[in-house]
Structures are given as C-alpha cells and as structure tokens.
C-alpha cells in the first residue's frame, strides 16, 4: 500500500489509514461533525486527518464554502492538493 486510504462510510464516519496502520496502528474514526474546525474569511475548515497523525505524509480537510466564498487563486510549492466536491457547483 502506498500513501493513505480514506473511507467515507454511509453512517457519516470517516476512517483514515496510513501505510503503517495496517501493521501497527488502529484506524482513526471520526463521527459526523468531529474534528477541529476553524473559520477563515467566512469559510469553515475541519481537520479530519492531520500530518501529525500520518507522520507528515498526508492531511485531509473538509471545507464548507458558502456561495461566492473560497480562497483566491494560489500555488502550493511543497504540497499536492486534491479537491472532491460533494455538493454545490463551481
């Protein structure tokens, strides 16, 4: 297994495993509305998995961005970014 696996389950739980979890750790399980949240310029960001939990290899966040919100165009020089829209429109 390379990297991390995240499972979004029908009962509103998220389970995240990193590559070492299979042998040494239990998965991280979050109930709906769990995780530390911060608000920035009207958007809400909830940390589902942090780099501290995955030995610096991965972080996962859930964003709530109201219509007309969102970050301005930007570039990440040291990270890859992947977005998956659950509902709404661009």
N, C-alpha and C. Protein backbone atom coordinates (compact mmCIF):
# COMPACT_ATOMS: atom_id res chain seq x y z
N UNK A 1 0.84 -1.17 0.00
CA UNK A 1 0.00 0.00 0.00
C UNK A 1 0.89 1.23 0.00
N UNK A 2 0.59 2.18 -0.83
CA UNK A 2 1.34 3.43 -0.90
C UNK A 2 0.44 4.54 -0.40
N UNK A 3 0.96 5.40 0.49
CA UNK A 3 0.20 6.56 0.94
C UNK A 3 -0.89 6.20 1.93
N UNK A 4 -2.03 6.85 1.78
CA UNK A 4 -3.11 6.74 2.74
C UNK A 4 -4.40 6.31 2.06
N UNK A 5 -5.26 5.70 2.83
CA UNK A 5 -6.59 5.34 2.36
C UNK A 5 -7.61 6.05 3.23
N UNK A 6 -8.62 6.64 2.63
CA UNK A 6 -9.71 7.24 3.39
C UNK A 6 -11.01 6.62 2.92
N UNK A 7 -11.84 6.26 3.86
CA UNK A 7 -13.12 5.67 3.55
C UNK A 7 -14.21 6.57 4.10
N UNK A 8 -15.13 6.99 3.28
CA UNK A 8 -16.28 7.75 3.74
C UNK A 8 -17.44 6.76 3.79
N UNK A 9 -17.96 6.53 4.96
CA UNK A 9 -18.96 5.49 5.15
C UNK A 9 -20.36 6.08 5.18
N UNK A 10 -21.34 5.26 4.90
CA UNK A 10 -22.72 5.72 4.81
C UNK A 10 -23.27 6.20 6.15
N UNK A 11 -22.67 5.79 7.26
CA UNK A 11 -23.15 6.22 8.58
C UNK A 11 -22.42 7.48 9.05
N UNK A 12 -21.89 8.27 8.12
CA UNK A 12 -21.24 9.55 8.41
C UNK A 12 -19.99 9.43 9.25
N UNK A 13 -19.25 8.34 9.11
CA UNK A 13 -17.95 8.20 9.75
C UNK A 13 -16.89 8.25 8.67
N UNK A 14 -15.73 8.75 9.03
CA UNK A 14 -14.59 8.74 8.12
C UNK A 14 -13.48 7.94 8.80
N UNK A 15 -12.93 6.98 8.09
CA UNK A 15 -11.83 6.17 8.61
C UNK A 15 -10.62 6.45 7.72
N UNK A 16 -9.51 6.79 8.33
CA UNK A 16 -8.29 7.07 7.58
C UNK A 16 -7.18 6.16 8.07
N UNK A 17 -6.49 5.51 7.15
CA UNK A 17 -5.36 4.65 7.46
C UNK A 17 -4.13 5.16 6.73
N UNK A 18 -2.98 5.19 7.40
CA UNK A 18 -1.77 5.46 6.64
C UNK A 18 -1.04 4.15 6.42
N UNK A 19 0.05 4.19 5.65
CA UNK A 19 0.69 2.95 5.22
C UNK A 19 1.19 2.08 6.36
N UNK A 20 1.47 2.66 7.53
CA UNK A 20 1.94 1.87 8.67
C UNK A 20 0.82 1.35 9.55
N UNK A 21 -0.39 1.88 9.37
CA UNK A 21 -1.51 1.48 10.22
C UNK A 21 -1.84 0.00 10.11
N UNK A 22 -1.65 -0.57 8.93
CA UNK A 22 -2.06 -1.95 8.73
C UNK A 22 -1.34 -2.90 9.69
N UNK A 23 -0.12 -2.55 10.11
CA UNK A 23 0.64 -3.43 10.97
C UNK A 23 0.68 -2.98 12.42
N UNK A 24 0.67 -1.65 12.65
CA UNK A 24 0.96 -1.18 14.00
C UNK A 24 -0.11 -0.33 14.65
N UNK A 25 -1.05 0.22 13.90
CA UNK A 25 -1.99 1.17 14.48
C UNK A 25 -3.42 0.83 14.11
N UNK A 26 -4.32 1.39 14.90
CA UNK A 26 -5.73 1.29 14.58
C UNK A 26 -6.12 2.49 13.72
N UNK A 27 -7.13 2.35 12.89
CA UNK A 27 -7.56 3.49 12.07
C UNK A 27 -8.13 4.61 12.92
N UNK A 28 -8.08 5.81 12.38
CA UNK A 28 -8.71 6.96 13.01
C UNK A 28 -10.16 7.00 12.55
N UNK A 29 -11.08 7.07 13.49
CA UNK A 29 -12.50 7.11 13.14
C UNK A 29 -13.08 8.41 13.68
N UNK A 30 -13.73 9.18 12.82
CA UNK A 30 -14.40 10.41 13.21
C UNK A 30 -15.89 10.28 12.97
N UNK A 31 -16.68 10.68 13.95
CA UNK A 31 -18.12 10.76 13.77
C UNK A 31 -18.41 12.03 12.97
N UNK A 32 -19.62 12.13 12.43
CA UNK A 32 -20.02 13.35 11.74
C UNK A 32 -19.85 14.54 12.68
N UNK A 33 -19.39 15.64 12.15
CA UNK A 33 -19.18 16.90 12.90
C UNK A 33 -18.07 16.81 13.93
N UNK A 34 -17.15 15.86 13.81
CA UNK A 34 -15.99 15.81 14.69
C UNK A 34 -14.79 16.37 13.95
N UNK A 35 -13.75 16.66 14.67
CA UNK A 35 -12.54 17.24 14.10
C UNK A 35 -12.49 18.72 14.45
N UNK A 36 -11.29 19.23 14.58
CA UNK A 36 -11.11 20.65 14.90
C UNK A 36 -11.49 21.50 13.71
N UNK A 37 -12.33 22.52 13.94
CA UNK A 37 -12.76 23.41 12.86
C UNK A 37 -12.23 24.82 13.11
N UNK A 38 -11.89 25.50 12.02
CA UNK A 38 -11.51 26.91 12.08
C UNK A 38 -12.28 27.64 10.99
N UNK A 39 -12.57 28.90 11.24
CA UNK A 39 -13.24 29.73 10.23
C UNK A 39 -12.25 30.75 9.70
N UNK A 40 -12.20 30.86 8.38
CA UNK A 40 -11.31 31.81 7.71
C UNK A 40 -12.12 32.50 6.62
N UNK A 41 -12.21 33.80 6.68
CA UNK A 41 -12.93 34.65 5.72
C UNK A 41 -14.31 34.07 5.33
N UNK A 42 -15.04 33.58 6.32
CA UNK A 42 -16.38 33.08 6.07
C UNK A 42 -16.46 31.61 5.68
N UNK A 43 -15.33 30.97 5.43
CA UNK A 43 -15.30 29.54 5.10
C UNK A 43 -15.03 28.76 6.39
N UNK A 44 -15.50 27.51 6.45
CA UNK A 44 -15.22 26.65 7.60
C UNK A 44 -14.36 25.48 7.14
N UNK A 45 -13.25 25.26 7.80
CA UNK A 45 -12.33 24.17 7.50
C UNK A 45 -12.26 23.24 8.70
N UNK A 46 -12.53 21.96 8.47
CA UNK A 46 -12.50 20.96 9.55
C UNK A 46 -11.39 19.97 9.24
N UNK A 47 -10.48 19.81 10.18
CA UNK A 47 -9.36 18.88 10.02
C UNK A 47 -9.84 17.47 10.32
N UNK A 48 -9.80 16.60 9.34
CA UNK A 48 -10.22 15.21 9.50
C UNK A 48 -9.03 14.33 9.85
N UNK A 49 -7.91 14.58 9.22
CA UNK A 49 -6.66 13.87 9.48
C UNK A 49 -5.54 14.90 9.37
N UNK A 50 -4.63 14.90 10.33
CA UNK A 50 -3.55 15.87 10.32
C UNK A 50 -2.22 15.21 9.98
N UNK A 51 -1.24 16.02 9.62
CA UNK A 51 0.08 15.48 9.30
C UNK A 51 0.70 14.78 10.51
N UNK A 52 0.35 15.21 11.72
CA UNK A 52 0.86 14.56 12.93
C UNK A 52 0.34 13.12 13.05
N UNK A 53 -0.85 12.87 12.56
CA UNK A 53 -1.43 11.53 12.61
C UNK A 53 -0.87 10.61 11.54
N UNK A 54 -0.26 11.18 10.50
CA UNK A 54 0.21 10.37 9.36
C UNK A 54 1.70 10.53 9.11
N UNK A 55 2.43 10.87 10.17
CA UNK A 55 3.88 11.01 10.07
C UNK A 55 4.29 12.00 8.98
N UNK A 56 3.51 13.06 8.82
CA UNK A 56 3.84 14.12 7.87
C UNK A 56 3.56 13.81 6.42
N UNK A 57 2.86 12.72 6.13
CA UNK A 57 2.66 12.33 4.74
C UNK A 57 1.35 12.80 4.14
N UNK A 58 0.38 13.20 4.98
CA UNK A 58 -0.95 13.45 4.45
C UNK A 58 -1.77 14.25 5.44
N UNK A 59 -2.63 15.10 4.95
CA UNK A 59 -3.63 15.77 5.78
C UNK A 59 -4.92 15.81 4.97
N UNK A 60 -6.02 15.73 5.67
CA UNK A 60 -7.32 15.72 5.00
C UNK A 60 -8.23 16.70 5.71
N UNK A 61 -8.89 17.56 4.92
CA UNK A 61 -9.77 18.57 5.48
C UNK A 61 -11.09 18.56 4.75
N UNK A 62 -12.12 18.96 5.48
CA UNK A 62 -13.44 19.15 4.89
C UNK A 62 -13.69 20.65 4.87
N UNK A 63 -14.11 21.18 3.73
CA UNK A 63 -14.36 22.61 3.60
C UNK A 63 -15.85 22.86 3.46
N UNK A 64 -16.36 23.86 4.14
CA UNK A 64 -17.68 24.39 3.84
C UNK A 64 -17.45 25.80 3.33
N UNK A 65 -17.79 26.02 2.08
CA UNK A 65 -17.55 27.32 1.45
C UNK A 65 -18.89 27.83 0.93
N UNK A 66 -19.40 28.92 1.50
CA UNK A 66 -20.68 29.45 1.04
C UNK A 66 -20.55 30.04 -0.37
N UNK A 67 -21.66 30.19 -1.07
CA UNK A 67 -21.63 30.77 -2.41
C UNK A 67 -20.87 32.10 -2.41
N UNK A 68 -19.98 32.25 -3.38
CA UNK A 68 -19.17 33.46 -3.50
C UNK A 68 -17.92 33.45 -2.64
N UNK A 69 -17.74 32.41 -1.82
CA UNK A 69 -16.58 32.34 -0.93
C UNK A 69 -15.45 31.56 -1.56
N UNK A 70 -14.52 31.17 -0.74
CA UNK A 70 -13.39 30.37 -1.20
C UNK A 70 -12.10 31.16 -1.22
N UNK A 71 -11.00 30.42 -1.30
CA UNK A 71 -9.69 31.07 -1.31
C UNK A 71 -9.42 31.67 -2.68
N UNK A 72 -8.58 32.69 -2.72
CA UNK A 72 -8.20 33.25 -4.02
C UNK A 72 -7.26 32.28 -4.74
N UNK A 73 -7.04 32.48 -6.04
CA UNK A 73 -6.08 31.62 -6.75
C UNK A 73 -4.73 31.63 -6.02
N UNK A 74 -4.12 30.47 -5.90
CA UNK A 74 -2.85 30.36 -5.19
C UNK A 74 -2.09 29.13 -5.66
N UNK A 75 -0.85 29.01 -5.22
CA UNK A 75 0.02 27.90 -5.59
C UNK A 75 0.60 27.27 -4.33
N UNK A 76 0.70 25.95 -4.34
CA UNK A 76 1.40 25.23 -3.27
C UNK A 76 2.72 24.74 -3.84
N UNK A 77 3.82 25.14 -3.23
CA UNK A 77 5.14 24.75 -3.72
C UNK A 77 5.65 23.44 -3.12
N UNK A 78 5.13 23.07 -1.96
CA UNK A 78 5.64 21.87 -1.27
C UNK A 78 4.59 20.79 -1.07
N UNK A 79 3.36 21.04 -1.50
CA UNK A 79 2.28 20.09 -1.27
C UNK A 79 1.52 19.84 -2.57
N UNK A 80 0.90 18.68 -2.63
CA UNK A 80 -0.08 18.40 -3.68
C UNK A 80 -1.45 18.67 -3.08
N UNK A 81 -2.39 19.08 -3.92
CA UNK A 81 -3.73 19.37 -3.43
C UNK A 81 -4.74 18.66 -4.32
N UNK A 82 -5.70 18.03 -3.70
CA UNK A 82 -6.76 17.31 -4.40
C UNK A 82 -8.08 17.75 -3.80
N UNK A 83 -9.02 18.12 -4.65
CA UNK A 83 -10.33 18.55 -4.18
C UNK A 83 -11.40 17.63 -4.73
N UNK A 84 -12.39 17.34 -3.92
CA UNK A 84 -13.51 16.50 -4.32
C UNK A 84 -14.78 17.21 -3.85
N UNK A 85 -15.61 17.63 -4.78
CA UNK A 85 -16.82 18.37 -4.43
C UNK A 85 -17.95 17.38 -4.14
N UNK A 86 -18.57 17.52 -2.98
CA UNK A 86 -19.67 16.65 -2.58
C UNK A 86 -21.00 17.21 -3.06
N UNK A 87 -21.19 18.52 -2.91
CA UNK A 87 -22.41 19.14 -3.43
C UNK A 87 -22.12 20.59 -3.74
N UNK A 88 -22.97 21.21 -4.54
CA UNK A 88 -22.78 22.58 -4.94
C UNK A 88 -22.35 22.67 -6.38
N UNK A 89 -21.82 23.82 -6.75
CA UNK A 89 -21.35 24.00 -8.12
C UNK A 89 -20.19 24.98 -8.14
N UNK A 90 -19.37 24.86 -9.16
CA UNK A 90 -18.23 25.76 -9.33
C UNK A 90 -18.63 26.98 -10.12
